[in-house]
Amino acid sequence: MGRRSEGRLQQYLSLVPVFGLVPAVLGLLRQRCDRQTKNTNKVAIALMLAWLTSVAAVDGLPLTEFTDGLAKGTFGMMYVVVCVWLMAKVFRGRPVELPWDMDKR
């Protein structure tokens, strides 16, 4: 497997919702990753933390059971949709970056 294919596979694995956290963290700890793979790993970790924070924030609110489930389901679905959208960007060869890192090209 070529270096480019290995990096793309690493990017796909890190963008898998929930389970992609492990490959993303391991990818950041590796020294042999290219810049694009490291950026994708950072985005995957940031998305996971944003999702966990939003679910924890909903847990702290005094909501009915229905509203609580609706809010958590919405946040979870948004997380999955964004991860799949980012996987499509990786497939097309486009960069996956955090908005505040875009000016560092």
PDB file of N, CA and C in Angstrom:
ATOM      1  N   MET A   1       0.850  -1.172   0.000  1.00  0.00           N
ATOM      2  CA  MET A   1       0.000   0.000   0.000  1.00  0.00           C
ATOM      3  C   MET A   1       0.897   1.237   0.000  1.00  0.00           C
ATOM      4  N   GLY A   2       0.590   2.187  -0.833  1.00  0.00           N
ATOM      5  CA  GLY A   2       1.391   3.385  -0.948  1.00  0.00           C
ATOM      6  C   GLY A   2       1.191   4.334   0.216  1.00  0.00           C
ATOM      7  N   ARG A   3       2.112   5.278   0.307  1.00  0.00           N
ATOM      8  CA  ARG A   3       2.064   6.265   1.391  1.00  0.00           C
ATOM      9  C   ARG A   3       0.780   7.088   1.333  1.00  0.00           C
ATOM     10  N   ARG A   4       0.381   7.446   0.131  1.00  0.00           N
ATOM     11  CA  ARG A   4      -0.835   8.253  -0.046  1.00  0.00           C
ATOM     12  C   ARG A   4      -2.082   7.462   0.338  1.00  0.00           C
ATOM     13  N   SER A   5      -2.138   6.193  -0.065  1.00  0.00           N
ATOM     14  CA  SER A   5      -3.289   5.354   0.273  1.00  0.00           C
ATOM     15  C   SER A   5      -3.364   5.110   1.776  1.00  0.00           C
ATOM     16  N   GLU A   6      -2.211   4.956   2.405  1.00  0.00           N
ATOM     17  CA  GLU A   6      -2.173   4.750   3.850  1.00  0.00           C
ATOM     18  C   GLU A   6      -2.696   5.986   4.587  1.00  0.00           C
ATOM     19  N   GLY A   7      -2.315   7.163   4.119  1.00  0.00           N
ATOM     20  CA  GLY A   7      -2.797   8.397   4.727  1.00  0.00           C
ATOM     21  C   GLY A   7      -4.287   8.577   4.545  1.00  0.00           C
ATOM     22  N   ARG A   8      -4.784   8.232   3.375  1.00  0.00           N
ATOM     23  CA  ARG A   8      -6.218   8.357   3.102  1.00  0.00           C
ATOM     24  C   ARG A   8      -7.013   7.364   3.960  1.00  0.00           C
ATOM     25  N   LEU A   9      -6.502   6.151   4.112  1.00  0.00           N
ATOM     26  CA  LEU A   9      -7.157   5.165   4.968  1.00  0.00           C
ATOM     27  C   LEU A   9      -7.181   5.643   6.416  1.00  0.00           C
ATOM     28  N   GLN A  10      -6.081   6.217   6.870  1.00  0.00           N
ATOM     29  CA  GLN A  10      -6.015   6.770   8.228  1.00  0.00           C
ATOM     30  C   GLN A  10      -7.053   7.880   8.409  1.00  0.00           C
ATOM     31  N   GLN A  11      -7.227   8.707   7.391  1.00  0.00           N
ATOM     32  CA  GLN A  11      -8.216   9.784   7.461  1.00  0.00           C
ATOM     33  C   GLN A  11      -9.637   9.218   7.550  1.00  0.00           C
ATOM     34  N   TYR A  12      -9.939   8.205   6.738  1.00  0.00           N
ATOM     35  CA  TYR A  12     -11.260   7.582   6.790  1.00  0.00           C
ATOM     36  C   TYR A  12     -11.525   6.994   8.175  1.00  0.00           C
ATOM     37  N   LEU A  13     -10.548   6.264   8.701  1.00  0.00           N
ATOM     38  CA  LEU A  13     -10.728   5.617  10.000  1.00  0.00           C
ATOM     39  C   LEU A  13     -10.921   6.625  11.117  1.00  0.00           C
ATOM     40  N   SER A  14     -10.230   7.742  11.056  1.00  0.00           N
ATOM     41  CA  SER A  14     -10.373   8.738  12.120  1.00  0.00           C
ATOM     42  C   SER A  14     -11.705   9.473  12.041  1.00  0.00           C
ATOM     43  N   LEU A  15     -12.347   9.482  10.892  1.00  0.00           N
ATOM     44  CA  LEU A  15     -13.634  10.161  10.739  1.00  0.00           C
ATOM     45  C   LEU A  15     -14.838   9.259  11.004  1.00  0.00           C
ATOM     46  N   VAL A  16     -14.594   7.988  11.351  1.00  0.00           N
ATOM     47  CA  VAL A  16     -15.705   7.104  11.708  1.00  0.00           C
ATOM     48  C   VAL A  16     -16.306   7.622  13.019  1.00  0.00           C
ATOM     49  N   PRO A  17     -17.606   7.893  13.044  1.00  0.00           N
ATOM     50  CA  PRO A  17     -18.200   8.440  14.262  1.00  0.00           C
ATOM     51  C   PRO A  17     -17.964   7.543  15.484  1.00  0.00           C
ATOM     52  N   VAL A  18     -17.638   8.135  16.578  1.00  0.00           N
ATOM     53  CA  VAL A  18     -17.369   7.556  17.889  1.00  0.00           C
ATOM     54  C   VAL A  18     -16.105   6.691  17.886  1.00  0.00           C
ATOM     55  N   PHE A  19     -16.041   5.657  17.074  1.00  0.00           N
ATOM     56  CA  PHE A  19     -14.906   4.739  17.088  1.00  0.00           C
ATOM     57  C   PHE A  19     -13.651   5.341  16.461  1.00  0.00           C
ATOM     58  N   GLY A  20     -13.785   6.412  15.714  1.00  0.00           N
ATOM     59  CA  GLY A  20     -12.643   7.038  15.067  1.00  0.00           C
ATOM     60  C   GLY A  20     -11.743   7.809  16.013  1.00  0.00           C
ATOM     61  N   LEU A  21     -12.155   7.948  17.260  1.00  0.00           N
ATOM     62  CA  LEU A  21     -11.330   8.673  18.225  1.00  0.00           C
ATOM     63  C   LEU A  21      -9.988   7.972  18.449  1.00  0.00           C
ATOM     64  N   VAL A  22      -9.995   6.663  18.532  1.00  0.00           N
ATOM     65  CA  VAL A  22      -8.751   5.916  18.776  1.00  0.00           C
ATOM     66  C   VAL A  22      -7.767   6.084  17.622  1.00  0.00           C
ATOM     67  N   PRO A  23      -8.156   5.858  16.358  1.00  0.00           N
ATOM     68  CA  PRO A  23      -7.196   6.088  15.277  1.00  0.00           C
ATOM     69  C   PRO A  23      -6.761   7.550  15.163  1.00  0.00           C
ATOM     70  N   ALA A  24      -7.650   8.477  15.503  1.00  0.00           N
ATOM     71  CA  ALA A  24      -7.290   9.897  15.419  1.00  0.00           C
ATOM     72  C   ALA A  24      -6.215  10.244  16.445  1.00  0.00           C
ATOM     73  N   VAL A  25      -6.378   9.781  17.662  1.00  0.00           N
ATOM     74  CA  VAL A  25      -5.378  10.058  18.702  1.00  0.00           C
ATOM     75  C   VAL A  25      -4.065   9.361  18.373  1.00  0.00           C
ATOM     76  N   LEU A  26      -4.141   8.106  17.955  1.00  0.00           N
ATOM     77  CA  LEU A  26      -2.915   7.391  17.588  1.00  0.00           C
ATOM     78  C   LEU A  26      -2.230   8.040  16.393  1.00  0.00           C
ATOM     79  N   GLY A  27      -3.015   8.552  15.463  1.00  0.00           N
ATOM     80  CA  GLY A  27      -2.449   9.231  14.298  1.00  0.00           C
ATOM     81  C   GLY A  27      -1.736  10.516  14.666  1.00  0.00           C
ATOM     82  N   LEU A  28      -2.248  11.224  15.659  1.00  0.00           N
ATOM     83  CA  LEU A  28      -1.571  12.441  16.096  1.00  0.00           C
ATOM     84  C   LEU A  28      -0.277  12.131  16.845  1.00  0.00           C
ATOM     85  N   LEU A  29      -0.248  10.987  17.516  1.00  0.00           N
ATOM     86  CA  LEU A  29       0.963  10.615  18.252  1.00  0.00           C
ATOM     87  C   LEU A  29       2.074  10.089  17.338  1.00  0.00           C
ATOM     88  N   ARG A  30       1.670   9.589  16.173  1.00  0.00           N
ATOM     89  CA  ARG A  30       2.674   9.085  15.221  1.00  0.00           C
ATOM     90  C   ARG A  30       3.449  10.236  14.610  1.00  0.00           C
ATOM     91  N   GLN A  31       4.704  10.018  14.369  1.00  0.00           N
ATOM     92  CA  GLN A  31       5.553  11.060  13.792  1.00  0.00           C
ATOM     93  C   GLN A  31       5.554  11.014  12.262  1.00  0.00           C
ATOM     94  N   ARG A  32       5.104   9.907  11.682  1.00  0.00           N
ATOM     95  CA  ARG A  32       5.212   9.738  10.230  1.00  0.00           C
ATOM     96  C   ARG A  32       4.007  10.222   9.442  1.00  0.00           C
ATOM     97  N   CYS A  33       3.031  10.820  10.094  1.00  0.00           N
ATOM     98  CA  CYS A  33       1.829  11.292   9.387  1.00  0.00           C
ATOM     99  C   CYS A  33       2.131  12.553   8.591  1.00  0.00           C
ATOM    100  N   ASP A  34       1.464  12.681   7.452  1.00  0.00           N
ATOM    101  CA  ASP A  34       1.586  13.926   6.692  1.00  0.00           C
ATOM    102  C   ASP A  34       0.664  14.990   7.301  1.00  0.00           C
ATOM    103  N   ARG A  35       0.806  16.208   6.823  1.00  0.00           N
ATOM    104  CA  ARG A  35       0.074  17.340   7.384  1.00  0.00           C
ATOM    105  C   ARG A  35      -1.436  17.178   7.224  1.00  0.00           C
ATOM    106  N   GLN A  36      -1.876  16.702   6.076  1.00  0.00           N
ATOM    107  CA  GLN A  36      -3.309  16.549   5.828  1.00  0.00           C
ATOM    108  C   GLN A  36      -3.931  15.518   6.764  1.00  0.00           C
ATOM    109  N   THR A  37      -3.235  14.423   7.013  1.00  0.00           N
ATOM    110  CA  THR A  37      -3.749  13.406   7.932  1.00  0.00           C
ATOM    111  C   THR A  37      -3.828  13.961   9.351  1.00  0.00           C
ATOM    112  N   LYS A  38      -2.831  14.725   9.760  1.00  0.00           N
ATOM    113  CA  LYS A  38      -2.866  15.331  11.095  1.00  0.00           C
ATOM    114  C   LYS A  38      -4.019  16.322  11.214  1.00  0.00           C
ATOM    115  N   ASN A  39      -4.264  17.105  10.166  1.00  0.00           N
ATOM    116  CA  ASN A  39      -5.395  18.036  10.183  1.00  0.00           C
ATOM    117  C   ASN A  39      -6.720  17.288  10.310  1.00  0.00           C
ATOM    118  N   THR A  40      -6.855  16.184   9.572  1.00  0.00           N
ATOM    119  CA  THR A  40      -8.077  15.384   9.643  1.00  0.00           C
ATOM    120  C   THR A  40      -8.255  14.799  11.037  1.00  0.00           C
ATOM    121  N   ASN A  41      -7.171  14.342  11.645  1.00  0.00           N
ATOM    122  CA  ASN A  41      -7.246  13.806  13.001  1.00  0.00           C
ATOM    123  C   ASN A  41      -7.685  14.881  13.998  1.00  0.00           C
ATOM    124  N   LYS A  42      -7.171  16.089  13.842  1.00  0.00           N
ATOM    125  CA  LYS A  42      -7.574  17.194  14.727  1.00  0.00           C
ATOM    126  C   LYS A  42      -9.055  17.502  14.567  1.00  0.00           C
ATOM    127  N   VAL A  43      -9.534  17.509  13.337  1.00  0.00           N
ATOM    128  CA  VAL A  43     -10.950  17.778  13.087  1.00  0.00           C
ATOM    129  C   VAL A  43     -11.815  16.680  13.696  1.00  0.00           C
ATOM    130  N   ALA A  44     -11.399  15.427  13.552  1.00  0.00           N
ATOM    131  CA  ALA A  44     -12.170  14.309  14.099  1.00  0.00           C
ATOM    132  C   ALA A  44     -12.265  14.406  15.624  1.00  0.00           C
ATOM    133  N   ILE A  45     -11.171  14.755  16.272  1.00  0.00           N
ATOM    134  CA  ILE A  45     -11.170  14.887  17.729  1.00  0.00           C
ATOM    135  C   ILE A  45     -12.021  16.081  18.155  1.00  0.00           C
ATOM    136  N   ALA A  46     -11.915  17.191  17.447  1.00  0.00           N
ATOM    137  CA  ALA A  46     -12.709  18.377  17.778  1.00  0.00           C
ATOM    138  C   ALA A  46     -14.206  18.098  17.613  1.00  0.00           C
ATOM    139  N   LEU A  47     -14.584  17.382  16.565  1.00  0.00           N
ATOM    140  CA  LEU A  47     -15.995  17.032  16.363  1.00  0.00           C
ATOM    141  C   LEU A  47     -16.512  16.138  17.486  1.00  0.00           C
ATOM    142  N   MET A  48     -15.698  15.159  17.869  1.00  0.00           N
ATOM    143  CA  MET A  48     -16.104  14.244  18.933  1.00  0.00           C
ATOM    144  C   MET A  48     -16.282  15.005  20.249  1.00  0.00           C
ATOM    145  N   LEU A  49     -15.358  15.910  20.554  1.00  0.00           N
ATOM    146  CA  LEU A  49     -15.463  16.686  21.788  1.00  0.00           C
ATOM    147  C   LEU A  49     -16.677  17.627  21.756  1.00  0.00           C
ATOM    148  N   ALA A  50     -16.957  18.210  20.603  1.00  0.00           N
ATOM    149  CA  ALA A  50     -18.127  19.084  20.478  1.00  0.00           C
ATOM    150  C   ALA A  50     -19.416  18.290  20.684  1.00  0.00           C
ATOM    151  N   TRP A  51     -19.472  17.090  20.132  1.00  0.00           N
ATOM    152  CA  TRP A  51     -20.649  16.244  20.298  1.00  0.00           C
ATOM    153  C   TRP A  51     -20.820  15.840  21.764  1.00  0.00           C
ATOM    154  N   LEU A  52     -19.731  15.399  22.395  1.00  0.00           N
ATOM    155  CA  LEU A  52     -19.815  14.996  23.798  1.00  0.00           C
ATOM    156  C   LEU A  52     -20.214  16.171  24.698  1.00  0.00           C
ATOM    157  N   THR A  53     -19.679  17.349  24.403  1.00  0.00           N
ATOM    158  CA  THR A  53     -20.012  18.529  25.191  1.00  0.00           C
ATOM    159  C   THR A  53     -21.487  18.898  25.039  1.00  0.00           C
ATOM    160  N   SER A  54     -21.987  18.819  23.823  1.00  0.00           N
ATOM    161  CA  SER A  54     -23.392  19.163  23.605  1.00  0.00           C
ATOM    162  C   SER A  54     -24.324  18.161  24.281  1.00  0.00           C
ATOM    163  N   VAL A  55     -23.979  16.891  24.251  1.00  0.00           N
ATOM    164  CA  VAL A  55     -24.814  15.886  24.921  1.00  0.00           C
ATOM    165  C   VAL A  55     -24.752  16.073  26.437  1.00  0.00           C
ATOM    166  N   ALA A  56     -23.569  16.381  26.959  1.00  0.00           N
ATOM    167  CA  ALA A  56     -23.445  16.626  28.398  1.00  0.00           C
ATOM    168  C   ALA A  56     -24.204  17.882  28.813  1.00  0.00           C
ATOM    169  N   ALA A  57     -24.205  18.894  27.965  1.00  0.00           N
ATOM    170  CA  ALA A  57     -24.945  20.120  28.275  1.00  0.00           C
ATOM    171  C   ALA A  57     -26.448  19.855  28.302  1.00  0.00           C
ATOM    172  N   VAL A  58     -26.925  19.014  27.396  1.00  0.00           N
ATOM    173  CA  VAL A  58     -28.346  18.677  27.380  1.00  0.00           C
ATOM    174  C   VAL A  58     -28.706  17.886  28.642  1.00  0.00           C
ATOM    175  N   ASP A  59     -27.794  17.041  29.112  1.00  0.00           N
ATOM    176  CA  ASP A  59     -28.053  16.286  30.337  1.00  0.00           C
ATOM    177  C   ASP A  59     -28.236  17.202  31.538  1.00  0.00           C
ATOM    178  N   GLY A  60     -27.571  18.345  31.527  1.00  0.00           N
ATOM    179  CA  GLY A  60     -27.661  19.262  32.655  1.00  0.00           C
ATOM    180  C   GLY A  60     -28.891  20.153  32.643  1.00  0.00           C
ATOM    181  N   LEU A  61     -29.653  20.112  31.576  1.00  0.00           N
ATOM    182  CA  LEU A  61     -30.847  20.970  31.480  1.00  0.00           C
ATOM    183  C   LEU A  61     -32.084  20.246  32.006  1.00  0.00           C
ATOM    184  N   PRO A  62     -32.988  20.990  32.621  1.00  0.00           N
ATOM    185  CA  PRO A  62     -34.233  20.364  33.102  1.00  0.00           C
ATOM    186  C   PRO A  62     -35.247  20.218  31.955  1.00  0.00           C
ATOM    187  N   LEU A  63     -35.091  19.168  31.168  1.00  0.00           N
ATOM    188  CA  LEU A  63     -35.960  18.945  30.011  1.00  0.00           C
ATOM    189  C   LEU A  63     -36.848  17.733  30.250  1.00  0.00           C
ATOM    190  N   THR A  64     -37.947  17.683  29.516  1.00  0.00           N
ATOM    191  CA  THR A  64     -38.771  16.476  29.562  1.00  0.00           C
ATOM    192  C   THR A  64     -38.019  15.350  28.864  1.00  0.00           C
ATOM    193  N   GLU A  65     -38.477  14.147  29.080  1.00  0.00           N
ATOM    194  CA  GLU A  65     -37.808  12.988  28.490  1.00  0.00           C
ATOM    195  C   GLU A  65     -37.832  13.062  26.961  1.00  0.00           C
ATOM    196  N   PHE A  66     -38.937  13.495  26.402  1.00  0.00           N
ATOM    197  CA  PHE A  66     -39.067  13.605  24.957  1.00  0.00           C
ATOM    198  C   PHE A  66     -38.093  14.647  24.403  1.00  0.00           C
ATOM    199  N   THR A  67     -38.063  15.832  25.014  1.00  0.00           N
ATOM    200  CA  THR A  67     -37.185  16.903  24.539  1.00  0.00           C
ATOM    201  C   THR A  67     -35.719  16.519  24.699  1.00  0.00           C
ATOM    202  N   ASP A  68     -35.413  15.852  25.807  1.00  0.00           N
ATOM    203  CA  ASP A  68     -34.044  15.400  26.041  1.00  0.00           C
ATOM    204  C   ASP A  68     -33.606  14.418  24.954  1.00  0.00           C
ATOM    205  N   GLY A  69     -34.448  13.457  24.660  1.00  0.00           N
ATOM    206  CA  GLY A  69     -34.137  12.481  23.612  1.00  0.00           C
ATOM    207  C   GLY A  69     -34.047  13.119  22.231  1.00  0.00           C
ATOM    208  N   LEU A  70     -34.921  14.071  21.979  1.00  0.00           N
ATOM    209  CA  LEU A  70     -34.908  14.770  20.691  1.00  0.00           C
ATOM    210  C   LEU A  70     -33.620  15.571  20.509  1.00  0.00           C
ATOM    211  N   ALA A  71     -33.206  16.277  21.556  1.00  0.00           N
ATOM    212  CA  ALA A  71     -31.980  17.080  21.473  1.00  0.00           C
ATOM    213  C   ALA A  71     -30.753  16.190  21.293  1.00  0.00           C
ATOM    214  N   LYS A  72     -30.670  15.126  22.077  1.00  0.00           N
ATOM    215  CA  LYS A  72     -29.521  14.219  21.962  1.00  0.00           C
ATOM    216  C   LYS A  72     -29.499  13.537  20.590  1.00  0.00           C
ATOM    217  N   GLY A  73     -30.658  13.148  20.107  1.00  0.00           N
ATOM    218  CA  GLY A  73     -30.739  12.526  18.792  1.00  0.00           C
ATOM    219  C   GLY A  73     -30.336  13.476  17.677  1.00  0.00           C
ATOM    220  N   THR A  74     -30.736  14.725  17.817  1.00  0.00           N
ATOM    221  CA  THR A  74     -30.377  15.733  16.811  1.00  0.00           C
ATOM    222  C   THR A  74     -28.873  15.958  16.793  1.00  0.00           C
ATOM    223  N   PHE A  75     -28.276  16.121  17.967  1.00  0.00           N
ATOM    224  CA  PHE A  75     -26.824  16.317  18.030  1.00  0.00           C
ATOM    225  C   PHE A  75     -26.079  15.102  17.492  1.00  0.00           C
ATOM    226  N   GLY A  76     -26.564  13.914  17.831  1.00  0.00           N
ATOM    227  CA  GLY A  76     -25.922  12.696  17.340  1.00  0.00           C
ATOM    228  C   GLY A  76     -26.014  12.563  15.827  1.00  0.00           C
ATOM    229  N   MET A  77     -27.183  12.876  15.285  1.00  0.00           N
ATOM    230  CA  MET A  77     -27.367  12.782  13.834  1.00  0.00           C
ATOM    231  C   MET A  77     -26.518  13.819  13.103  1.00  0.00           C
ATOM    232  N   MET A  78     -26.441  15.024  13.661  1.00  0.00           N
ATOM    233  CA  MET A  78     -25.595  16.053  13.041  1.00  0.00           C
ATOM    234  C   MET A  78     -24.138  15.613  13.030  1.00  0.00           C
ATOM    235  N   TYR A  79     -23.694  14.999  14.120  1.00  0.00           N
ATOM    236  CA  TYR A  79     -22.319  14.503  14.220  1.00  0.00           C
ATOM    237  C   TYR A  79     -22.036  13.456  13.136  1.00  0.00           C
ATOM    238  N   VAL A  80     -22.955  12.526  12.967  1.00  0.00           N
ATOM    239  CA  VAL A  80     -22.767  11.477  11.957  1.00  0.00           C
ATOM    240  C   VAL A  80     -22.785  12.067  10.548  1.00  0.00           C
ATOM    241  N   VAL A  81     -23.697  12.982  10.273  1.00  0.00           N
ATOM    242  CA  VAL A  81     -23.794  13.590   8.935  1.00  0.00           C
ATOM    243  C   VAL A  81     -22.519  14.376   8.604  1.00  0.00           C
ATOM    244  N   VAL A  82     -22.014  15.129   9.568  1.00  0.00           N
ATOM    245  CA  VAL A  82     -20.784  15.893   9.323  1.00  0.00           C
ATOM    246  C   VAL A  82     -19.610  14.945   9.083  1.00  0.00           C
ATOM    247  N   CYS A  83     -19.533  13.849   9.832  1.00  0.00           N
ATOM    248  CA  CYS A  83     -18.445  12.883   9.621  1.00  0.00           C
ATOM    249  C   CYS A  83     -18.519  12.260   8.222  1.00  0.00           C
ATOM    250  N   VAL A  84     -19.720  11.907   7.785  1.00  0.00           N
ATOM    251  CA  VAL A  84     -19.877  11.328   6.444  1.00  0.00           C
ATOM    252  C   VAL A  84     -19.538  12.368   5.381  1.00  0.00           C
ATOM    253  N   TRP A  85     -19.940  13.614   5.582  1.00  0.00           N
ATOM    254  CA  TRP A  85     -19.606  14.684   4.640  1.00  0.00           C
ATOM    255  C   TRP A  85     -18.093  14.868   4.554  1.00  0.00           C
ATOM    256  N   LEU A  86     -17.413  14.823   5.688  1.00  0.00           N
ATOM    257  CA  LEU A  86     -15.953  14.955   5.676  1.00  0.00           C
ATOM    258  C   LEU A  86     -15.285  13.748   5.016  1.00  0.00           C
ATOM    259  N   MET A  87     -15.868  12.567   5.182  1.00  0.00           N
ATOM    260  CA  MET A  87     -15.348  11.387   4.478  1.00  0.00           C
ATOM    261  C   MET A  87     -15.470  11.571   2.965  1.00  0.00           C
ATOM    262  N   ALA A  88     -16.559  12.174   2.524  1.00  0.00           N
ATOM    263  CA  ALA A  88     -16.729  12.448   1.095  1.00  0.00           C
ATOM    264  C   ALA A  88     -15.666  13.430   0.609  1.00  0.00           C
ATOM    265  N   LYS A  89     -15.326  14.420   1.450  1.00  0.00           N
ATOM    266  CA  LYS A  89     -14.257  15.359   1.084  1.00  0.00           C
ATOM    267  C   LYS A  89     -12.926  14.643   0.946  1.00  0.00           C
ATOM    268  N   VAL A  90     -12.642  13.707   1.845  1.00  0.00           N
ATOM    269  CA  VAL A  90     -11.408  12.919   1.758  1.00  0.00           C
ATOM    270  C   VAL A  90     -11.422  12.101   0.476  1.00  0.00           C
ATOM    271  N   PHE A  91     -12.556  11.510   0.138  1.00  0.00           N
ATOM    272  CA  PHE A  91     -12.668  10.712  -1.078  1.00  0.00           C
ATOM    273  C   PHE A  91     -12.377  11.542  -2.324  1.00  0.00           C
ATOM    274  N   ARG A  92     -12.850  12.793  -2.328  1.00  0.00           N
ATOM    275  CA  ARG A  92     -12.620  13.677  -3.479  1.00  0.00           C
ATOM    276  C   ARG A  92     -11.236  14.306  -3.466  1.00  0.00           C
ATOM    277  N   GLY A  93     -10.475  14.083  -2.410  1.00  0.00           N
ATOM    278  CA  GLY A  93      -9.123  14.631  -2.337  1.00  0.00           C
ATOM    279  C   GLY A  93      -9.055  16.069  -1.857  1.00  0.00           C
ATOM    280  N   ARG A  94     -10.135  16.554  -1.281  1.00  0.00           N
ATOM    281  CA  ARG A  94     -10.161  17.926  -0.764  1.00  0.00           C
ATOM    282  C   ARG A  94      -9.641  17.955   0.667  1.00  0.00           C
ATOM    283  N   PRO A  95      -9.105  19.094   1.092  1.00  0.00           N
ATOM    284  CA  PRO A  95      -8.564  19.165   2.457  1.00  0.00           C
ATOM    285  C   PRO A  95      -9.669  19.216   3.512  1.00  0.00           C
ATOM    286  N   VAL A  96      -9.391  18.578   4.633  1.00  0.00           N
ATOM    287  CA  VAL A  96     -10.281  18.600   5.794  1.00  0.00           C
ATOM    288  C   VAL A  96      -9.548  19.400   6.861  1.00  0.00           C
ATOM    289  N   GLU A  97     -10.056  20.607   7.146  1.00  0.00           N
ATOM    290  CA  GLU A  97      -9.371  21.494   8.085  1.00  0.00           C
ATOM    291  C   GLU A  97     -10.369  22.142   9.025  1.00  0.00           C
ATOM    292  N   LEU A  98      -9.857  22.561  10.172  1.00  0.00           N
ATOM    293  CA  LEU A  98     -10.650  23.376  11.078  1.00  0.00           C
ATOM    294  C   LEU A  98     -10.733  24.775  10.497  1.00  0.00           C
ATOM    295  N   PRO A  99     -11.835  25.474  10.711  1.00  0.00           N
ATOM    296  CA  PRO A  99     -11.991  26.809  10.107  1.00  0.00           C
ATOM    297  C   PRO A  99     -10.875  27.773  10.477  1.00  0.00           C
ATOM    298  N   TRP A 100     -10.353  27.705  11.685  1.00  0.00           N
ATOM    299  CA  TRP A 100      -9.307  28.648  12.088  1.00  0.00           C
ATOM    300  C   TRP A 100      -7.925  28.234  11.609  1.00  0.00           C
ATOM    301  N   ASP A 101      -7.781  27.054  10.990  1.00  0.00           N
ATOM    302  CA  ASP A 101      -6.503  26.625  10.420  1.00  0.00           C
ATOM    303  C   ASP A 101      -6.419  26.847   8.926  1.00  0.00           C
ATOM    304  N   MET A 102      -7.486  27.317   8.297  1.00  0.00           N
ATOM    305  CA  MET A 102      -7.519  27.447   6.838  1.00  0.00           C
ATOM    306  C   MET A 102      -6.543  28.490   6.306  1.00  0.00           C
ATOM    307  N   ASP A 103      -6.212  29.494   7.089  1.00  0.00           N
ATOM    308  CA  ASP A 103      -5.322  30.542   6.604  1.00  0.00           C
ATOM    309  C   ASP A 103      -3.848  30.150   6.668  1.00  0.00           C
ATOM    310  N   LYS A 104      -3.523  28.958   7.157  1.00  0.00           N
ATOM    311  CA  LYS A 104      -2.132  28.531   7.297  1.00  0.00           C
ATOM    312  C   LYS A 104      -1.613  27.753   6.090  1.00  0.00           C
ATOM    313  N   ARG A 105      -2.291  27.823   4.993  1.00  0.00           N
ATOM    314  CA  ARG A 105      -1.881  27.055   3.803  1.00  0.00           C
ATOM    315  C   ARG A 105      -0.621  27.544   3.249  1.00  0.00           C
TER     316      ARG A 105
END
